[in-house]
C-alpha cells in the first residue's frame, strides 16, 4: 500500500502538494470549479496539521508565448481563496529568487500556489518530459511531496513523478479515494458485472475492453464506437463514425465473446449533427446518407433489460452526442435506470463525468472518477507512473 498524507508529521514542514487545477476557463473566468473543490480536503488537512503548503498544478497546454496569458493560474488562486476562506499567496514565477523568497517566508498554515507548471514547457518541454534538473529544483523547495492530482497520474511529469523521486512522498485524499473506489468495484466478487462502453473511437479503448471483457458478464456498447462493431458484423452504418484501424480487433473480440457483447438494435439518425431532422431507425434499415448520433428507444429498453439484475456496473463514455439536446436521451435514460435501481456504478472521467453532471445527479452514483485518461489506463490494468513512484508503507 502507498503512503498517504496521514503517514507524515506535517508540523512546520514545507509540503508540496501536486493538485489538479486544470479547470475550464473562458476569457479568464473559471466556468467549472469542481477540480478546485475536490482538492480542498487534502489542502485543509495539511494546513490544519501545521504544514506550510506549496501547491503545484498545470493548466491547459503551453506551446507558445500566447498560451501563457490564457493559461495563467492566478484566477485559480483567487477562487481557491474564496472556497477555502483563507489567504492564498501566489507566485507568478515557476522558479527563481522571487519564488524562493515566497517559499522561505511561508509560515505554518499558509498556502502558496505556484504559477502553471507547464510554463516550463515553453522552452524544451521541461515539465512534460520530466526534466531531472527541474524536478530536483522543485523538490528543493519542500520537505514532503503529496500527489493529489489523479487526473495526471498517468503522465510522467517533473511535477509529479520527478519530485517524488527526491522527497518522501504520499498520496492525498482524492487519489486515495480514486484507487480505493476503482479497485473496490473491480475486485468485488458480485455478479452480474456489466460494463457499458460509449464514446467515439474503439482504438482508444482496446486495452480496456481486452482487460474488462474477461472479468465482466456483459459488455453493452453504445456511442460512436458501436458503429465499428456493427460494421464488423456487416450491418449498414451509413455515414456514421467508423474506426477502420480497429475493424480487425472488433471482428476478433465479437467472435471470441459473442455471447457477452450487446450492440444497438436501433438509433437516432440525421444527415448531420447540425440538422434538426432526426429519425429513429433500426440498425438494419440504415441508409448510406444516415449518420447515427444516439441509441434508439428499442436499444434503451434492451440495455435496461440487460442491466435489470446487475450488481455492479462500470460505464465509460456516453451513449450519444449528449452535448446536443437532440441526442441526450440514450445517455440520460441509462443513467436514470442505474440510479433509480440503486445499481452500484462507477463512472469513468472525461466525457462520462461531464455527461453525468449535465444529465443526472452525480451524488447518486457509487463513484465518478475525476480522471479521464488516468481512469482508462487504470482500467486497462496499467500501472500509473504518478502512483507507482510514491513511497510504500512498511
Protein backbone atom coordinates (compact mmCIF):
# COMPACT_ATOMS: atom_id res chain seq x y z
CA UNK A 1 0.00 0.00 0.00
CA UNK A 2 1.09 3.53 -0.76
CA UNK A 3 1.83 6.06 1.96
CA UNK A 4 -0.76 8.82 2.36
CA UNK A 5 -0.60 12.33 3.73
CA UNK A 6 -1.70 10.89 7.09
CA UNK A 7 1.52 8.90 7.36
CA UNK A 8 3.60 12.04 7.82
CA UNK A 9 4.15 14.55 10.62
CA UNK A 10 3.40 17.85 8.87
CA UNK A 11 4.05 20.36 11.66
CA UNK A 12 6.32 23.14 10.32
CA UNK A 13 7.09 21.07 7.21
CA UNK A 14 7.04 22.55 3.72
CA UNK A 15 4.60 20.21 1.98
CA UNK A 16 4.44 20.29 -1.81
CA UNK A 17 1.01 19.13 -2.98
CA UNK A 18 0.53 18.38 -6.67
CA UNK A 19 -3.12 19.24 -7.33
CA UNK A 20 -5.24 19.21 -10.49
CA UNK A 21 -6.40 22.78 -11.09
CA UNK A 22 -6.73 22.22 -14.84
CA UNK A 23 -10.15 23.87 -14.83
CA UNK A 24 -12.14 25.04 -17.87
CA UNK A 25 -11.82 28.79 -18.37
CA UNK A 26 -13.32 31.32 -20.76
CA UNK A 27 -11.71 34.74 -21.09
CA UNK A 28 -10.04 34.36 -17.71
CA UNK A 29 -13.25 33.23 -15.96
CA UNK A 30 -13.47 29.76 -14.42
CA UNK A 31 -16.57 28.00 -15.79
CA UNK A 32 -16.40 24.90 -13.56
CA UNK A 33 -14.53 24.86 -10.24
CA UNK A 34 -15.14 21.16 -9.41
CA UNK A 35 -11.46 20.26 -9.54
CA UNK A 36 -10.57 23.06 -7.13
CA UNK A 37 -13.24 21.88 -4.69
CA UNK A 38 -12.04 18.28 -4.87
CA UNK A 39 -8.52 19.34 -3.82
CA UNK A 40 -9.65 21.22 -0.70
CA UNK A 41 -9.86 18.27 1.79
CA UNK A 42 -6.16 17.45 1.32
CA UNK A 43 -5.11 21.11 1.48
CA UNK A 44 -7.19 21.69 4.62
CA UNK A 45 -5.74 18.62 6.32
CA UNK A 46 -2.22 19.89 5.63
CA UNK A 47 -2.79 23.41 6.98
CA UNK A 48 -4.76 22.15 9.99
CA UNK A 49 -1.74 19.99 10.85
CA UNK A 50 0.69 22.88 10.74
CA UNK A 51 2.13 22.47 7.25
CA UNK A 52 3.47 25.22 5.02
CA UNK A 53 1.64 24.31 1.84
CA UNK A 54 3.11 24.74 -1.64
CA UNK A 55 0.70 23.91 -4.47
CA UNK A 56 1.69 22.88 -7.98
CA UNK A 57 -0.68 22.41 -10.92
CA UNK A 58 -0.78 22.64 -14.68
CA UNK A 59 -3.46 24.45 -16.68
CA UNK A 60 -4.01 23.73 -20.36
CA UNK A 61 -1.11 23.33 -22.79
CA UNK A 62 1.69 25.82 -23.26
CA UNK A 63 3.30 25.66 -26.69
CA UNK A 64 3.87 29.33 -27.50
CA UNK A 65 4.02 32.74 -25.80
CA UNK A 66 0.32 33.44 -26.43
CA UNK A 67 -0.60 30.39 -24.30
CA UNK A 68 0.92 31.94 -21.17
CA UNK A 69 -1.77 34.54 -20.54
CA UNK A 70 -4.76 32.31 -21.26
CA UNK A 71 -3.36 29.56 -19.02
CA UNK A 72 -2.46 31.82 -16.08
CA UNK A 73 -3.25 30.18 -12.72
CA UNK A 74 -3.79 33.49 -10.90
CA UNK A 75 -7.63 33.38 -11.31
CA UNK A 76 -7.50 29.90 -9.73
CA UNK A 77 -5.67 31.29 -6.69
CA UNK A 78 -8.48 33.83 -6.22
CA UNK A 79 -11.18 31.15 -6.48
CA UNK A 80 -9.30 28.81 -4.11
CA UNK A 81 -9.03 31.64 -1.61
CA UNK A 82 -12.81 32.16 -1.76
CA UNK A 83 -13.55 28.45 -1.36
CA UNK A 84 -11.09 27.74 1.43
CA UNK A 85 -11.80 31.07 3.17
CA UNK A 86 -8.12 31.70 3.75
CA UNK A 87 -5.50 33.86 2.03
CA UNK A 88 -3.70 32.12 -0.82
CA UNK A 89 -0.34 33.56 -1.82
CA UNK A 90 0.64 33.36 -5.48
CA UNK A 91 3.98 33.18 -7.25
CA UNK A 92 3.94 34.27 -10.87
CA UNK A 93 7.31 32.55 -11.33
CA UNK A 94 7.88 28.81 -11.57
CA UNK A 95 11.49 29.15 -10.39
CA UNK A 96 13.99 31.76 -9.27
CA UNK A 97 14.63 34.23 -6.44
CA UNK A 98 11.08 35.64 -6.27
CA UNK A 99 9.61 32.16 -5.82
CA UNK A 100 12.27 31.11 -3.32
CA UNK A 101 11.65 34.19 -1.18
CA UNK A 102 7.91 33.48 -1.09
CA UNK A 103 8.57 29.87 -0.10
CA UNK A 104 11.03 30.82 2.65
CA UNK A 105 8.64 33.41 4.11
CA UNK A 106 5.77 30.90 4.42
CA UNK A 107 4.50 30.36 7.95
CA UNK A 108 2.78 27.19 9.12
CA UNK A 109 -0.83 27.01 7.99
CA UNK A 110 -0.17 29.26 4.98
CA UNK A 111 -0.70 28.39 1.31
CA UNK A 112 1.34 29.31 -1.77
CA UNK A 113 0.17 28.47 -5.28
CA UNK A 114 2.94 28.44 -7.90
CA UNK A 115 2.27 29.50 -11.48
CA UNK A 116 1.27 26.88 -14.10
CA UNK A 117 3.88 24.09 -14.20
CA UNK A 118 3.54 23.96 -17.98
CA UNK A 119 5.04 27.42 -18.29
CA UNK A 120 8.19 25.28 -18.11
CA UNK A 121 7.12 23.60 -21.38
CA UNK A 122 7.63 26.78 -23.38
CA UNK A 123 11.33 26.06 -23.84
CA UNK A 124 12.26 22.41 -24.04
CA UNK A 125 9.07 20.92 -22.56
CA UNK A 126 10.82 20.54 -19.22
CA UNK A 127 7.63 19.76 -17.26
CA UNK A 128 6.13 17.27 -19.73
CA UNK A 129 9.42 15.41 -20.33
CA UNK A 130 10.10 15.07 -16.59
CA UNK A 131 13.28 17.12 -16.79
CA UNK A 132 15.53 15.97 -13.95
CA UNK A 133 17.02 19.39 -13.21
CA UNK A 134 13.55 20.97 -12.93
CA UNK A 135 12.27 18.12 -10.74
CA UNK A 136 15.27 18.50 -8.40
CA UNK A 137 14.72 22.26 -8.21
CA UNK A 138 11.04 21.96 -7.29
CA UNK A 139 11.84 19.21 -4.79
CA UNK A 140 14.40 21.51 -3.14
CA UNK A 141 11.55 23.86 -2.18
CA UNK A 142 9.87 21.33 0.13
CA UNK A 143 10.29 18.60 2.73
CA UNK A 144 7.45 16.24 1.75
CA UNK A 145 5.65 15.59 -1.55
CA UNK A 146 1.96 14.66 -1.76
CA UNK A 147 0.35 13.72 -5.09
CA UNK A 148 -3.34 14.55 -5.14
CA UNK A 149 -3.69 15.14 -8.89
CA UNK A 150 -5.30 11.90 -10.01
CA UNK A 151 -6.05 13.29 -13.47
CA UNK A 152 -2.31 13.43 -14.25
CA UNK A 153 -1.23 10.18 -12.59
CA UNK A 154 -0.88 8.51 -16.00
CA UNK A 155 1.68 11.17 -17.00
CA UNK A 156 5.37 11.12 -16.12
CA UNK A 157 5.97 14.82 -15.45
CA UNK A 158 8.53 16.75 -13.44
CA UNK A 159 5.83 17.98 -11.03
CA UNK A 160 4.61 14.52 -10.06
CA UNK A 161 6.96 11.63 -10.84
CA UNK A 162 10.02 13.89 -10.90
CA UNK A 163 9.59 15.48 -7.46
CA UNK A 164 8.58 12.16 -5.88
CA UNK A 165 11.99 10.75 -6.78
CA UNK A 166 13.69 13.26 -4.46
CA UNK A 167 11.35 13.67 -1.47
CA UNK A 168 9.46 11.46 1.00
CA UNK A 169 6.12 11.03 -0.76
CA UNK A 170 2.49 10.06 -0.28
CA UNK A 171 -0.91 10.41 -1.91
CA UNK A 172 -3.68 12.81 -0.97
CA UNK A 173 -7.31 12.03 -0.17
CA UNK A 174 -8.52 12.40 -3.76
CA UNK A 175 -6.01 9.96 -5.25
CA UNK A 176 -6.58 7.57 -2.34
CA UNK A 177 -10.34 7.61 -2.96
CA UNK A 178 -9.91 7.02 -6.71
CA UNK A 179 -7.67 4.00 -6.15
CA UNK A 180 -9.89 2.51 -3.44
CA UNK A 181 -13.11 3.01 -5.40
CA UNK A 182 -11.83 1.60 -8.68
CA UNK A 183 -10.06 -1.33 -7.04
CA UNK A 184 -13.16 -1.92 -4.92
CA UNK A 185 -15.55 -2.35 -7.83
CA UNK A 186 -13.07 -4.37 -9.91
CA UNK A 187 -12.22 -6.79 -7.12
CA UNK A 188 -15.71 -7.23 -5.71
CA UNK A 189 -17.00 -10.75 -6.33
CA UNK A 190 -20.63 -9.97 -7.20
CA UNK A 191 -22.42 -10.82 -10.43
CA UNK A 192 -23.77 -9.96 -12.93
CA UNK A 193 -20.96 -7.48 -13.54
CA UNK A 194 -21.84 -5.27 -16.52
CA UNK A 195 -19.56 -2.90 -18.43
CA UNK A 196 -21.06 -0.15 -20.60
CA UNK A 197 -18.77 1.44 -23.17
CA UNK A 198 -19.50 4.53 -25.25
CA UNK A 199 -17.67 7.46 -26.71
CA UNK A 200 -16.19 7.79 -30.18
CA UNK A 201 -13.17 5.67 -31.12
CA UNK A 202 -12.69 1.98 -30.41
CA UNK A 203 -8.92 2.38 -30.71
CA UNK A 204 -8.73 4.46 -27.52
CA UNK A 205 -10.39 1.68 -25.52
CA UNK A 206 -8.99 -1.53 -26.98
CA UNK A 207 -6.86 -2.30 -23.91
CA UNK A 208 -9.76 -1.54 -21.55
CA UNK A 209 -12.06 -3.85 -23.49
CA UNK A 210 -9.43 -6.61 -23.55
CA UNK A 211 -8.98 -6.35 -19.79
CA UNK A 212 -12.63 -5.99 -18.73
CA UNK A 213 -14.23 -8.45 -21.16
CA UNK A 214 -12.52 -11.27 -19.28
CA UNK A 215 -13.99 -10.11 -15.97
CA UNK A 216 -17.48 -8.91 -16.85
CA UNK A 217 -20.62 -10.87 -17.63
CA UNK A 218 -21.89 -8.46 -20.28
CA UNK A 219 -20.44 -5.63 -22.36
CA UNK A 220 -23.00 -3.12 -23.67
CA UNK A 221 -21.64 -0.90 -26.42
CA UNK A 222 -23.19 2.42 -27.46
CA UNK A 223 -21.97 5.78 -28.68
CA UNK A 224 -19.90 6.31 -31.81
CA UNK A 225 -17.73 3.28 -31.13
CA UNK A 226 -20.73 0.96 -31.61
CA UNK A 227 -20.65 1.61 -35.37
CA UNK A 228 -17.25 -0.01 -35.86
CA UNK A 229 -18.56 -3.12 -34.07
CA UNK A 230 -21.74 -3.03 -36.16
CA UNK A 231 -19.71 -2.69 -39.36
CA UNK A 232 -17.61 -5.66 -38.24
CA UNK A 233 -20.87 -7.63 -38.16
CA UNK A 234 -21.68 -6.37 -41.68
CA UNK A 235 -24.51 -4.05 -40.62
CA UNK A 236 -25.01 -0.87 -42.66
CA UNK A 237 -23.79 2.22 -40.78
CA UNK A 238 -24.18 4.94 -43.45
CA UNK A 239 -22.03 7.99 -42.70
CA UNK A 240 -21.66 7.11 -39.02
CA UNK A 241 -18.24 7.26 -37.41
CA UNK A 242 -16.02 4.31 -38.39
CA UNK A 243 -12.68 3.45 -36.80
CA UNK A 244 -11.26 1.42 -39.67
CA UNK A 245 -7.97 0.62 -37.97
CA UNK A 246 -9.92 -1.20 -35.23
CA UNK A 247 -12.10 -3.35 -37.51
CA UNK A 248 -9.99 -6.49 -37.13
CA UNK A 249 -9.98 -6.13 -33.35
CA UNK A 250 -13.79 -5.79 -33.36
CA UNK A 251 -14.20 -8.88 -35.52
CA UNK A 252 -11.89 -10.89 -33.28
CA UNK A 253 -13.48 -9.81 -29.97
CA UNK A 254 -17.00 -10.36 -31.35
CA UNK A 255 -16.03 -13.85 -32.45
CA UNK A 256 -14.41 -14.73 -29.12
CA UNK A 257 -17.03 -13.17 -26.82
CA UNK A 258 -20.17 -13.23 -28.99
CA UNK A 259 -22.50 -14.02 -26.08
CA UNK A 260 -21.16 -11.22 -23.88
CA UNK A 261 -21.31 -8.28 -26.29
CA UNK A 262 -24.61 -6.41 -26.79
CA UNK A 263 -24.85 -3.87 -29.63
CA UNK A 264 -27.56 -1.31 -30.51
CA UNK A 265 -30.57 -2.50 -32.50
CA UNK A 266 -31.88 0.97 -33.37
CA UNK A 267 -30.57 4.51 -33.33
CA UNK A 268 -31.30 8.20 -33.90
CA UNK A 269 -30.04 9.33 -37.29
CA UNK A 270 -29.75 12.53 -39.27
CA UNK A 271 -27.86 13.90 -42.24
CA UNK A 272 -25.56 15.91 -39.99
CA UNK A 273 -25.11 16.90 -36.36
CA UNK A 274 -26.48 20.39 -37.05
CA UNK A 275 -29.70 19.21 -38.71
CA UNK A 276 -32.94 19.14 -36.72
CA UNK A 277 -34.38 16.44 -38.97
CA UNK A 278 -33.94 13.42 -36.73
CA UNK A 279 -35.31 9.92 -37.42
CA UNK A 280 -35.43 6.70 -35.42
CA UNK A 281 -34.32 3.72 -37.49
CA UNK A 282 -33.49 0.10 -36.91
CA UNK A 283 -29.80 -0.56 -37.49
CA UNK A 284 -30.60 -2.85 -40.42
CA UNK A 285 -32.57 -0.04 -42.12
CA UNK A 286 -29.71 2.49 -42.07
CA UNK A 287 -29.15 4.16 -45.45
CA UNK A 288 -25.90 5.46 -46.92
CA UNK A 289 -26.97 9.04 -46.11
CA UNK A 290 -27.70 8.38 -42.43
CA UNK A 291 -25.39 9.36 -39.61
CA UNK A 292 -26.08 7.89 -36.15
CA UNK A 293 -25.89 10.12 -33.08
CA UNK A 294 -27.65 8.26 -30.24
CA UNK A 295 -29.04 4.87 -29.30
CA UNK A 296 -32.76 4.46 -30.04
CA UNK A 297 -35.71 3.55 -27.77
CA UNK A 298 -35.53 -0.19 -28.50
CA UNK A 299 -31.83 -0.22 -27.63
CA UNK A 300 -32.52 1.72 -24.44
CA UNK A 301 -35.07 -0.92 -23.48
CA UNK A 302 -32.68 -3.75 -24.42
CA UNK A 303 -29.89 -2.25 -22.32
CA UNK A 304 -32.25 -1.80 -19.37
CA UNK A 305 -33.24 -5.46 -19.59
CA UNK A 306 -29.58 -6.50 -19.56
CA UNK A 307 -28.98 -4.24 -16.54
CA UNK A 308 -32.03 -5.41 -14.61
CA UNK A 309 -30.14 -7.95 -12.48
CA UNK A 310 -26.74 -6.20 -12.47
CA UNK A 311 -24.95 -5.97 -9.13
CA UNK A 312 -22.16 -3.65 -10.27
CA UNK A 313 -21.53 -1.56 -13.38
CA UNK A 314 -18.64 0.35 -14.91
CA UNK A 315 -19.67 2.90 -17.52
CA UNK A 316 -17.15 4.73 -19.65
CA UNK A 317 -18.38 7.04 -22.37
CA UNK A 318 -21.83 8.46 -23.25
CA UNK A 319 -24.35 6.65 -25.45
CA UNK A 320 -24.60 9.51 -27.93
CA UNK A 321 -23.67 13.11 -28.72
CA UNK A 322 -25.15 14.29 -25.42
CA UNK A 323 -23.94 17.88 -25.89
CA UNK A 324 -26.72 18.25 -28.49
CA UNK A 325 -30.22 18.23 -26.88
CA UNK A 326 -31.48 16.05 -29.74
CA UNK A 327 -29.15 13.23 -28.70
CA UNK A 328 -29.23 13.18 -24.91
CA UNK A 329 -32.00 10.67 -24.32
CA UNK A 330 -29.97 7.46 -24.57
CA UNK A 331 -27.34 8.55 -22.05
CA UNK A 332 -29.92 10.17 -19.78
CA UNK A 333 -32.19 7.12 -19.73
CA UNK A 334 -29.36 4.72 -18.90
CA UNK A 335 -28.17 6.95 -16.04
CA UNK A 336 -31.73 7.24 -14.76
CA UNK A 337 -32.17 3.48 -14.78
CA UNK A 338 -28.91 2.90 -12.94
CA UNK A 339 -29.71 5.42 -10.20
CA UNK A 340 -33.43 4.53 -9.86
CA UNK A 341 -32.49 0.89 -9.32
CA UNK A 342 -29.57 1.69 -6.98
CA UNK A 343 -27.10 -0.28 -9.11
CA UNK A 344 -23.55 0.20 -7.87
CA UNK A 345 -21.99 2.20 -10.71
CA UNK A 346 -18.53 3.60 -11.31
CA UNK A 347 -18.45 6.34 -13.95
CA UNK A 348 -15.23 6.98 -15.85
CA UNK A 349 -13.85 10.51 -16.09
CA UNK A 350 -13.72 12.84 -19.07
CA UNK A 351 -16.88 12.91 -21.20
CA UNK A 352 -18.54 10.37 -18.89
CA UNK A 353 -18.22 12.67 -15.88
CA UNK A 354 -19.31 15.68 -17.94
CA UNK A 355 -22.43 13.86 -19.16
CA UNK A 356 -23.38 12.82 -15.61
CA UNK A 357 -23.02 16.39 -14.38
CA UNK A 358 -25.22 17.61 -17.21
CA UNK A 359 -27.87 14.89 -17.36
CA UNK A 360 -28.06 13.23 -13.95
CA UNK A 361 -27.41 13.57 -10.23
CA UNK A 362 -23.71 12.81 -9.54
CA UNK A 363 -24.43 12.10 -5.87
CA UNK A 364 -26.46 9.01 -6.76
CA UNK A 365 -23.51 7.11 -8.23
CA UNK A 366 -21.02 4.94 -6.31
CA UNK A 367 -18.14 6.93 -7.79
CA UNK A 368 -17.48 9.43 -10.57
CA UNK A 369 -13.81 9.50 -11.47
CA UNK A 370 -12.01 12.82 -11.86
CA UNK A 371 -9.54 11.44 -14.39
CA UNK A 372 -10.39 10.54 -17.97
CA UNK A 373 -7.08 9.25 -19.30
CA UNK A 374 -5.88 8.09 -15.88
CA UNK A 375 -9.01 6.01 -15.28
CA UNK A 376 -8.87 4.50 -18.77
CA UNK A 377 -5.29 3.38 -18.19
CA UNK A 378 -6.12 2.11 -14.70
CA UNK A 379 -8.98 0.04 -16.14
CA UNK A 380 -6.55 -1.33 -18.72
CA UNK A 381 -4.56 -2.78 -15.84
CA UNK A 382 -1.72 -0.33 -16.48
CA UNK A 383 0.46 0.81 -13.59
CA UNK A 384 0.15 4.61 -13.35
CA UNK A 385 3.60 6.26 -13.04
CA UNK A 386 2.30 9.03 -10.78
CA UNK A 387 1.18 6.42 -8.25
CA UNK A 388 3.84 3.74 -8.65
CA UNK A 389 6.61 6.23 -7.73
CA UNK A 390 5.01 7.00 -4.35
CA UNK A 391 6.65 5.52 -1.22
CA UNK A 392 5.22 2.25 0.07
CA UNK A 393 4.03 1.73 3.61
CA UNK A 394 6.35 -0.54 5.57
